[in-house]
C-alpha atoms as a PDB file:
ATOM      1  CA  MET A   1      14.914 -33.592 -32.258  1.00  0.00           C
ATOM      2  CA  PRO A   2      13.391 -36.449 -34.293  1.00  0.00           C
ATOM      3  CA  ALA A   3      12.361 -35.645 -37.838  1.00  0.00           C
ATOM      4  CA  SER A   4       8.684 -35.864 -38.722  1.00  0.00           C
ATOM      5  CA  SER A   5       7.463 -36.905 -42.147  1.00  0.00           C
ATOM      6  CA  SER A   6       5.866 -34.146 -44.167  1.00  0.00           C
ATOM      7  CA  GLN A   7       2.976 -36.542 -44.803  1.00  0.00           C
ATOM      8  CA  LYS A   8       2.188 -36.689 -41.118  1.00  0.00           C
ATOM      9  CA  PRO A   9      -0.234 -34.114 -39.679  1.00  0.00           C
ATOM     10  CA  TYR A  10       2.135 -33.190 -36.858  1.00  0.00           C
ATOM     11  CA  ARG A  11       5.638 -31.994 -36.091  1.00  0.00           C
ATOM     12  CA  VAL A  12       7.861 -31.711 -33.017  1.00  0.00           C
ATOM     13  CA  GLY A  13       8.423 -28.121 -31.929  1.00  0.00           C
ATOM     14  CA  ARG A  14       9.182 -25.848 -29.010  1.00  0.00           C
ATOM     15  CA  SER A  15       6.525 -25.696 -26.341  1.00  0.00           C
ATOM     16  CA  ARG A  16       6.025 -23.906 -23.010  1.00  0.00           C
ATOM     17  CA  THR A  17       7.304 -27.015 -21.227  1.00  0.00           C
ATOM     18  CA  GLY A  18      10.166 -27.765 -23.633  1.00  0.00           C
ATOM     19  CA  LEU A  19       9.282 -29.841 -26.686  1.00  0.00           C
ATOM     20  CA  GLY A  20       5.780 -30.602 -27.872  1.00  0.00           C
ATOM     21  CA  LEU A  21       3.827 -32.040 -30.778  1.00  0.00           C
ATOM     22  CA  PHE A  22       2.026 -29.545 -33.047  1.00  0.00           C
ATOM     23  CA  ALA A  23      -0.520 -30.034 -35.805  1.00  0.00           C
ATOM     24  CA  THR A  24       0.642 -29.192 -39.339  1.00  0.00           C
ATOM     25  CA  LYS A  25      -2.717 -29.948 -40.990  1.00  0.00           C
ATOM     26  CA  PRO A  26      -6.340 -29.769 -39.846  1.00  0.00           C
ATOM     27  CA  ILE A  27      -7.191 -32.808 -37.713  1.00  0.00           C
ATOM     28  CA  LYS A  28     -10.836 -33.748 -37.426  1.00  0.00           C
ATOM     29  CA  LYS A  29     -12.446 -34.858 -34.189  1.00  0.00           C
ATOM     30  CA  GLY A  30     -12.166 -38.647 -33.718  1.00  0.00           C
ATOM     31  CA  THR A  31      -9.062 -39.015 -35.924  1.00  0.00           C
ATOM     32  CA  LYS A  32      -6.267 -41.309 -34.726  1.00  0.00           C
ATOM     33  CA  ILE A  33      -3.259 -39.000 -34.702  1.00  0.00           C
ATOM     34  CA  ILE A  34      -0.332 -41.154 -33.621  1.00  0.00           C
ATOM     35  CA  ARG A  35       0.506 -44.417 -31.863  1.00  0.00           C
ATOM     36  CA  TYR A  36       2.260 -44.436 -28.491  1.00  0.00           C
ATOM     37  CA  PHE A  37       4.688 -47.351 -28.581  1.00  0.00           C
ATOM     38  CA  GLY A  38       7.831 -48.861 -27.070  1.00  0.00           C
ATOM     39  CA  PRO A  39       9.108 -52.044 -25.439  1.00  0.00           C
ATOM     40  CA  LEU A  40       6.592 -53.939 -23.311  1.00  0.00           C
ATOM     41  CA  LEU A  41       7.589 -54.354 -19.676  1.00  0.00           C
ATOM     42  CA  ASP A  42       6.370 -57.315 -17.637  1.00  0.00           C
ATOM     43  CA  SER A  43       5.777 -56.408 -13.997  1.00  0.00           C
ATOM     44  CA  LYS A  44       6.338 -60.047 -13.043  1.00  0.00           C
ATOM     45  CA  LYS A  45       9.978 -59.683 -14.029  1.00  0.00           C
ATOM     46  CA  LYS A  46      11.915 -57.843 -11.336  1.00  0.00           C
ATOM     47  CA  ASP A  47      14.412 -56.252 -13.693  1.00  0.00           C
ATOM     48  CA  GLU A  48      11.636 -54.877 -15.926  1.00  0.00           C
ATOM     49  CA  ASP A  49       9.449 -53.892 -12.971  1.00  0.00           C
ATOM     50  CA  ALA A  50      12.378 -51.885 -11.590  1.00  0.00           C
ATOM     51  CA  ILE A  51      12.550 -49.643 -14.674  1.00  0.00           C
ATOM     52  CA  GLU A  52      11.395 -46.135 -13.841  1.00  0.00           C
ATOM     53  CA  ASN A  53      11.000 -43.098 -16.122  1.00  0.00           C
ATOM     54  CA  LYS A  54       8.415 -40.475 -17.091  1.00  0.00           C
ATOM     55  CA  TYR A  55       7.366 -42.248 -20.317  1.00  0.00           C
ATOM     56  CA  LEU A  56       5.876 -45.432 -18.874  1.00  0.00           C
ATOM     57  CA  PHE A  57       2.327 -46.047 -20.076  1.00  0.00           C
ATOM     58  CA  GLU A  58       0.508 -48.703 -18.055  1.00  0.00           C
ATOM     59  CA  LEU A  59      -1.777 -50.980 -20.080  1.00  0.00           C
ATOM     60  CA  THR A  60      -2.758 -53.460 -17.368  1.00  0.00           C
ATOM     61  CA  ASN A  61      -1.542 -54.507 -13.953  1.00  0.00           C
ATOM     62  CA  ARG A  62       1.039 -56.633 -15.723  1.00  0.00           C
ATOM     63  CA  TRP A  63       1.963 -54.878 -18.965  1.00  0.00           C
ATOM     64  CA  THR A  64       3.455 -51.415 -19.377  1.00  0.00           C
ATOM     65  CA  ILE A  65       4.764 -49.617 -22.454  1.00  0.00           C
ATOM     66  CA  ASP A  66       8.200 -48.012 -22.072  1.00  0.00           C
ATOM     67  CA  GLY A  67       7.831 -45.023 -24.392  1.00  0.00           C
ATOM     68  CA  SER A  68      11.243 -43.485 -23.670  1.00  0.00           C
ATOM     69  CA  ILE A  69      12.721 -44.550 -27.012  1.00  0.00           C
ATOM     70  CA  ARG A  70      13.367 -41.696 -29.449  1.00  0.00           C
ATOM     71  CA  GLN A  71      11.381 -43.376 -32.226  1.00  0.00           C
ATOM     72  CA  ASN A  72       8.247 -42.889 -30.142  1.00  0.00           C
ATOM     73  CA  VAL A  73       7.345 -39.368 -31.345  1.00  0.00           C
ATOM     74  CA  ALA A  74       4.114 -39.554 -29.298  1.00  0.00           C
ATOM     75  CA  ARG A  75       6.190 -39.117 -26.131  1.00  0.00           C
ATOM     76  CA  TYR A  76       6.531 -35.415 -27.015  1.00  0.00           C
ATOM     77  CA  ILE A  77       2.797 -34.873 -26.544  1.00  0.00           C
ATOM     78  CA  ASN A  78       2.365 -32.841 -23.380  1.00  0.00           C
ATOM     79  CA  HIS A  79      -0.258 -33.030 -20.659  1.00  0.00           C
ATOM     80  CA  ALA A  80      -3.245 -30.679 -20.558  1.00  0.00           C
ATOM     81  CA  CYS A  81      -6.081 -30.394 -18.055  1.00  0.00           C
ATOM     82  CA  ARG A  82      -8.365 -29.379 -20.952  1.00  0.00           C
ATOM     83  CA  PRO A  83      -6.896 -31.386 -23.821  1.00  0.00           C
ATOM     84  CA  ASN A  84      -7.808 -31.652 -27.493  1.00  0.00           C
ATOM     85  CA  ALA A  85      -6.905 -35.353 -27.650  1.00  0.00           C
ATOM     86  CA  GLU A  86      -7.060 -38.495 -25.502  1.00  0.00           C
ATOM     87  CA  SER A  87      -5.322 -41.832 -25.149  1.00  0.00           C
ATOM     88  CA  ASP A  88      -7.219 -44.731 -26.745  1.00  0.00           C
ATOM     89  CA  VAL A  89      -5.943 -47.795 -24.884  1.00  0.00           C
ATOM     90  CA  LYS A  90      -6.424 -51.286 -26.309  1.00  0.00           C
ATOM     91  CA  PRO A  91      -5.169 -53.672 -23.584  1.00  0.00           C
ATOM     92  CA  ARG A  92      -5.703 -56.908 -25.496  1.00  0.00           C
ATOM     93  CA  LYS A  93      -3.722 -55.662 -28.476  1.00  0.00           C
ATOM     94  CA  ARG A  94      -1.273 -53.973 -26.098  1.00  0.00           C
ATOM     95  CA  LYS A  95      -1.472 -50.818 -28.109  1.00  0.00           C
ATOM     96  CA  VAL A  96      -2.195 -47.159 -27.386  1.00  0.00           C
ATOM     97  CA  PHE A  97      -3.304 -44.524 -29.912  1.00  0.00           C
ATOM     98  CA  ILE A  98      -3.708 -40.796 -29.402  1.00  0.00           C
ATOM     99  CA  ARG A  99      -7.057 -39.708 -30.852  1.00  0.00           C
ATOM    100  CA  ALA A 100      -8.464 -36.198 -31.377  1.00  0.00           C
ATOM    101  CA  ILE A 101     -11.504 -35.353 -29.247  1.00  0.00           C
ATOM    102  CA  LYS A 102     -12.099 -32.019 -31.000  1.00  0.00           C
ATOM    103  CA  ASP A 103     -11.111 -30.368 -34.249  1.00  0.00           C
ATOM    104  CA  ILE A 104      -7.459 -29.329 -34.161  1.00  0.00           C
ATOM    105  CA  GLU A 105      -6.196 -26.499 -36.345  1.00  0.00           C
ATOM    106  CA  PRO A 106      -2.715 -26.264 -37.915  1.00  0.00           C
ATOM    107  CA  GLY A 107      -0.273 -24.768 -35.399  1.00  0.00           C
ATOM    108  CA  ASP A 108      -2.239 -26.009 -32.359  1.00  0.00           C
ATOM    109  CA  GLU A 109      -0.315 -28.062 -29.834  1.00  0.00           C
ATOM    110  CA  ILE A 110      -1.631 -31.590 -29.458  1.00  0.00           C
ATOM    111  CA  ASN A 111      -2.133 -32.675 -25.854  1.00  0.00           C
ATOM    112  CA  TYR A 112      -4.008 -35.145 -23.674  1.00  0.00           C
ATOM    113  CA  ASP A 113      -4.652 -35.768 -19.971  1.00  0.00           C
ATOM    114  CA  TYR A 114      -1.939 -37.963 -18.445  1.00  0.00           C
ATOM    115  CA  GLY A 115      -4.209 -39.089 -15.615  1.00  0.00           C
ATOM    116  CA  THR A 116      -4.448 -38.421 -11.883  1.00  0.00           C
ATOM    117  CA  ASP A 117      -1.565 -40.650 -10.755  1.00  0.00           C
ATOM    118  CA  TYR A 118       0.931 -39.133 -13.198  1.00  0.00           C
ATOM    119  CA  PHE A 119      -0.302 -35.605 -12.414  1.00  0.00           C
ATOM    120  CA  LYS A 120       0.219 -36.081  -8.666  1.00  0.00           C
ATOM    121  CA  ALA A 121       3.619 -37.736  -9.075  1.00  0.00           C
ATOM    122  CA  TYR A 122       5.231 -35.474 -11.686  1.00  0.00           C
ATOM    123  CA  LEU A 123       3.182 -32.356 -12.481  1.00  0.00           C
ATOM    124  CA  LYS A 124       1.606 -31.133  -9.260  1.00  0.00           C
ATOM    125  CA  PRO A 125       4.931 -30.666  -7.384  1.00  0.00           C
ATOM    126  CA  ILE A 126       6.239 -28.299 -10.084  1.00  0.00           C
ATOM    127  CA  GLY A 127       2.874 -26.947 -11.236  1.00  0.00           C
ATOM    128  CA  CYS A 128       1.013 -27.833 -14.393  1.00  0.00           C
ATOM    129  CA  LYS A 129       1.927 -25.566 -17.325  1.00  0.00           C
ATOM    130  CA  CYS A 130      -0.918 -26.375 -19.677  1.00  0.00           C
ATOM    131  CA  ASP A 131      -2.949 -23.533 -21.223  1.00  0.00           C
ATOM    132  CA  ALA A 132      -5.879 -24.058 -18.852  1.00  0.00           C
ATOM    133  CA  CYS A 133      -3.692 -23.908 -15.744  1.00  0.00           C
ATOM    134  CA  GLU A 134      -1.757 -20.933 -17.142  1.00  0.00           C
ATOM    135  CA  LYS A 135      -5.043 -19.074 -17.637  1.00  0.00           C
ATOM    136  CA  LYS A 136      -6.044 -19.896 -14.066  1.00  0.00           C
ATOM    137  CA  ARG A 137      -2.716 -18.630 -12.754  1.00  0.00           C
ATOM    138  CA  LYS A 138      -2.947 -15.453 -14.839  1.00  0.00           C
ATOM    139  CA  LYS A 139      -6.471 -14.857 -13.566  1.00  0.00           C
ATOM    140  CA  LYS A 140      -5.357 -15.373  -9.970  1.00  0.00           C
ATOM    141  CA  ARG A 141      -2.375 -13.044 -10.457  1.00  0.00           C
ATOM    142  CA  ALA A 142      -4.646 -10.402 -12.014  1.00  0.00           C
ATOM    143  CA  GLU A 143      -7.105 -10.742  -9.128  1.00  0.00           C
ATOM    144  CA  ALA A 144      -4.268 -10.506  -6.617  1.00  0.00           C
ATOM    145  CA  ARG A 145      -2.909  -7.358  -8.312  1.00  0.00           C
ATOM    146  CA  ALA A 146      -6.388  -5.822  -8.377  1.00  0.00           C
ATOM    147  CA  GLU A 147      -6.853  -6.625  -4.696  1.00  0.00           C
ATOM    148  CA  ARG A 148      -3.465  -5.112  -3.805  1.00  0.00           C
ATOM    149  CA  LEU A 149      -4.339  -2.002  -5.820  1.00  0.00           C
ATOM    150  CA  ARG A 150      -7.735  -1.755  -4.133  1.00  0.00           C
ATOM    151  CA  LEU A 151      -6.164  -2.048  -0.673  1.00  0.00           C
ATOM    152  CA  LYS A 152      -3.486   0.510  -1.603  1.00  0.00           C
ATOM    153  CA  GLU A 153      -6.075   3.029  -2.838  1.00  0.00           C
ATOM    154  CA  ARG A 154      -8.166   2.419   0.273  1.00  0.00           C
ATOM    155  CA  ALA A 155      -5.135   3.030   2.508  1.00  0.00           C
ATOM    156  CA  GLU A 156      -4.264   6.196   0.570  1.00  0.00           C
ATOM    157  CA  ARG A 157      -7.806   7.538   0.923  1.00  0.00           C
ATOM    158  CA  LYS A 158      -7.755   6.800   4.633  1.00  0.00           C
ATOM    159  CA  ALA A 159      -4.370   8.468   5.052  1.00  0.00           C
ATOM    160  CA  LYS A 160      -5.617  11.529   3.128  1.00  0.00           C
ATOM    161  CA  ARG A 161      -8.705  11.823   5.344  1.00  0.00           C
ATOM    162  CA  GLU A 162      -6.582  11.509   8.475  1.00  0.00           C
ATOM    163  CA  ALA A 163      -4.131  14.116   7.168  1.00  0.00           C
ATOM    164  CA  GLU A 164      -6.981  16.541   6.402  1.00  0.00           C
ATOM    165  CA  LYS A 165      -8.492  15.956   9.828  1.00  0.00           C
ATOM    166  CA  LEU A 166      -5.117  16.528  11.487  1.00  0.00           C
ATOM    167  CA  ALA A 167      -4.581  19.716   9.469  1.00  0.00           C
ATOM    168  CA  GLU A 168      -8.008  21.048  10.533  1.00  0.00           C
ATOM    169  CA  MET A 169      -7.321  20.210  14.162  1.00  0.00           C
ATOM    170  CA  ARG A 170      -3.936  21.965  14.036  1.00  0.00           C
ATOM    171  CA  ALA A 171      -5.524  24.999  12.371  1.00  0.00           C
ATOM    172  CA  ARG A 172      -8.090  25.208  15.168  1.00  0.00           C
ATOM    173  CA  GLN A 173      -5.345  24.842  17.761  1.00  0.00           C
ATOM    174  CA  ARG A 174      -3.313  27.628  16.131  1.00  0.00           C
ATOM    175  CA  LYS A 175      -6.353  29.876  16.015  1.00  0.00           C
ATOM    176  CA  SER A 176      -7.159  29.198  19.655  1.00  0.00           C
ATOM    177  CA  SER A 177      -3.522  29.770  20.665  1.00  0.00           C
ATOM    178  CA  ALA A 178      -3.484  33.068  18.744  1.00  0.00           C
ATOM    179  CA  LYS A 179      -6.576  34.271  20.582  1.00  0.00           C
ATOM    180  CA  LYS A 180      -5.111  33.340  23.949  1.00  0.00           C
ATOM    181  CA  ALA A 181      -1.832  35.049  23.092  1.00  0.00           C
ATOM    182  CA  ALA A 182      -3.684  38.196  21.992  1.00  0.00           C
ATOM    183  CA  LYS A 183      -5.591  38.329  25.263  1.00  0.00           C
ATOM    184  CA  ALA A 184      -2.430  37.749  27.290  1.00  0.00           C
ATOM    185  CA  ASN A 185      -0.677  40.626  25.476  1.00  0.00           C
ATOM    186  CA  GLY A 186      -3.568  43.032  26.139  1.00  0.00           C
ATOM    187  CA  LYS A 187      -4.516  43.184  22.480  1.00  0.00           C
ATOM    188  CA  LEU A 188      -8.018  41.973  23.090  1.00  0.00           C
ATOM    189  CA  GLY A 189      -8.693  43.545  26.530  1.00  0.00           C
ATOM    190  CA  ASN A 190     -12.186  44.954  25.784  1.00  0.00           C
ATOM    191  CA  GLY A 191     -10.635  48.208  24.580  1.00  0.00           C
ATOM    192  CA  LYS A 192      -9.079  49.058  27.984  1.00  0.00           C
ATOM    193  CA  MET A 193      -5.537  50.158  28.738  1.00  0.00           C
ATOM    194  CA  LEU A 194      -2.936  47.666  29.802  1.00  0.00           C
ATOM    195  CA  ASN A 195       0.744  48.717  30.034  1.00  0.00           C
ATOM    196  CA  GLY A 196       0.074  52.017  28.319  1.00  0.00           C
ATOM    197  CA  SER A 197      -2.570  50.730  25.879  1.00  0.00           C
ATOM    198  CA  ALA A 198      -6.157  51.885  25.844  1.00  0.00           C
ATOM    199  CA  LEU A 199      -8.349  50.550  28.683  1.00  0.00           C
ATOM    200  CA  ASN A 200     -12.050  51.336  28.008  1.00  0.00           C
ATOM    201  CA  SER A 201     -10.642  54.282  26.029  1.00  0.00           C
ATOM    202  CA  LYS A 202     -10.530  56.167  29.361  1.00  0.00           C
ATOM    203  CA  ALA A 203      -8.355  56.332  32.420  1.00  0.00           C
ATOM    204  CA  PRO A 204      -9.901  54.730  35.549  1.00  0.00           C
ATOM    205  CA  ASN A 205     -12.274  57.222  37.244  1.00  0.00           C
ATOM    206  CA  GLY A 206     -11.225  59.772  34.673  1.00  0.00           C
ATOM    207  CA  LYS A 207      -7.789  59.943  36.189  1.00  0.00           C
ATOM    208  CA  ALA A 208      -4.364  59.191  34.777  1.00  0.00           C
ATOM    209  CA  LEU A 209      -1.500  57.052  35.875  1.00  0.00           C
ATOM    210  CA  ASN A 210       2.266  57.658  35.897  1.00  0.00           C
ATOM    211  CA  GLY A 211       2.088  61.412  36.384  1.00  0.00           C
ATOM    212  CA  LYS A 212      -0.720  62.071  33.945  1.00  0.00           C
ATOM    213  CA  ALA A 213      -3.983  63.861  34.617  1.00  0.00           C
ATOM    214  CA  LEU A 214      -5.972  62.563  37.569  1.00  0.00           C
ATOM    215  CA  ASN A 215      -9.461  64.135  37.771  1.00  0.00           C
ATOM    216  CA  GLY A 216      -8.050  66.900  35.663  1.00  0.00           C
ATOM    217  CA  LYS A 217      -5.495  67.780  38.329  1.00  0.00           C
ATOM    218  CA  ALA A 218      -1.880  67.068  38.959  1.00  0.00           C
ATOM    219  CA  LEU A 219      -1.028  64.194  41.291  1.00  0.00           C
ATOM    220  CA  ASN A 220      -2.579  65.411  44.642  1.00  0.00           C
ATOM    221  CA  GLY A 221      -2.442  68.829  43.001  1.00  0.00           C
ATOM    222  CA  LYS A 222       1.165  69.172  44.081  1.00  0.00           C
ATOM    223  CA  ALA A 223       4.572  69.178  42.499  1.00  0.00           C
ATOM    224  CA  LEU A 224       7.750  67.619  43.715  1.00  0.00           C
ATOM    225  CA  ASN A 225      11.485  68.458  43.369  1.00  0.00           C
ATOM    226  CA  GLY A 226      11.068  72.158  44.090  1.00  0.00           C
ATOM    227  CA  LYS A 227       7.943  72.594  42.105  1.00  0.00           C
ATOM    228  CA  HIS A 228       4.532  73.587  43.355  1.00  0.00           C
ATOM    229  CA  LEU A 229       2.883  71.582  46.060  1.00  0.00           C
ATOM    230  CA  ASN A 230      -0.802  72.555  46.526  1.00  0.00           C
ATOM    231  CA  GLY A 231      -0.065  75.696  44.553  1.00  0.00           C
ATOM    232  CA  HIS A 232       2.775  76.866  46.857  1.00  0.00           C
ATOM    233  CA  SER A 233       6.496  76.562  46.551  1.00  0.00           C
ATOM    234  CA  LEU A 234       8.316  74.420  49.034  1.00  0.00           C
ATOM    235  CA  THR A 235      10.832  77.190  50.032  1.00  0.00           C
ATOM    236  CA  ALA A 236       8.155  79.821  50.685  1.00  0.00           C
ATOM    237  CA  ALA A 237       6.175  77.505  52.817  1.00  0.00           C
ATOM    238  CA  ALA A 238       9.213  76.659  54.869  1.00  0.00           C
ATOM    239  CA  GLY A 239      10.004  80.380  55.452  1.00  0.00           C
ATOM    240  CA  LYS A 240       6.509  81.129  56.654  1.00  0.00           C
ATOM    241  CA  ARG A 241       6.590  78.350  59.151  1.00  0.00           C
ATOM    242  CA  ALA A 242       9.994  79.464  60.539  1.00  0.00           C
ATOM    243  CA  ALA A 243       9.125  83.204  61.088  1.00  0.00           C
ATOM    244  CA  PRO A 244       6.860  82.899  64.169  1.00  0.00           C
ATOM    245  CA  SER A 245       9.532  80.983  65.982  1.00  0.00           C
ATOM    246  CA  THR A 246      12.024  83.863  65.567  1.00  0.00           C
ATOM    247  CA  ARG A 247       9.638  86.496  66.904  1.00  0.00           C
ATOM    248  CA  GLY A 248       8.791  84.353  69.894  1.00  0.00           C
ATOM    249  CA  ALA A 249      12.436  84.039  70.761  1.00  0.00           C
ATOM    250  CA  ALA A 250      12.921  87.835  70.555  1.00  0.00           C
ATOM    251  CA  ARG A 251      10.031  88.488  72.912  1.00  0.00           C
ATOM    252  CA  VAL A 252      11.484  86.182  75.460  1.00  0.00           C
ATOM    253  CA  LEU A 253      14.886  87.923  75.343  1.00  0.00           C
ATOM    254  CA  GLN A 254      13.323  91.354  75.807  1.00  0.00           C
ATOM    255  CA  ALA A 255      11.495  90.295  78.943  1.00  0.00           C
END
C-alpha cells in the first residue's frame, strides 16, 4: 500500500471493494483533491494502443493516461453512482484532476463516477458496490423479505381457515353418523320397543311377545309341555275323548 503524506487530505485504506481513498481532513466543495497521472499512450502507436488495463483514462481519441503505476494514488479512488467528487479533465494540458463536488468530511471515502463505458465493461457484470447501489440492493432485499413474509402469513391464514372449515365439516359428519347409528340401534325409535327395548312404552295392541302377556292372557290362553291348554290339562282331555269309544265297543259285543 503506498504511503500518503500527512500533509495530504487523504489516505489509502480498506474499502468495500478492496482499497480506497479516504479523507483525513475536511475537504470543501470545489477543492482539487488529487491529480490522476501516468504515462501517456498514443492510440496511433500499435504497441501503446494494445495496452489494456482497468486504469486507463481517456483524454481524447488519441491520448490516454495509463494510471496503473503505483505512484498514481488517485487510482485507488473507487467508482460511485452518487459520488462526492468528479474528474476534471483538461485535454489540452493532458491532465486530469479529481475535484470535490460537495463537502467531504474526515473518514469519508472519496469517489467519482467512472462513466457509462467503464461501468458497462467492468462494473455491471459483477455489480456496482458503491453506497448508493448497496442501499438499493438492501432496499430490494428488505422488500423481497417483506413480500415473502406477507405471502407466508397469507398462506398460513388460508390454511387455518381451511383447517377450521374441515374440522367443522367433520364434526357435522360425526354428529350425523351418530344420529344414524342411534336410530339403527333402536335408541331413537320414538320410544317404542325394538329387540326387547321399549316401543311406544306399550306392547302392540296391549299384548306381549315371546311368551309375555297378550291381551292380559297367556298365549292363546293355553299352556304347552303338559301345562294347561284352554284351562284344561292335556292328559284329562285325552281321557275324556277316549271313554266314549270304549263304551261303544262294549255295546257292540253285548249285542
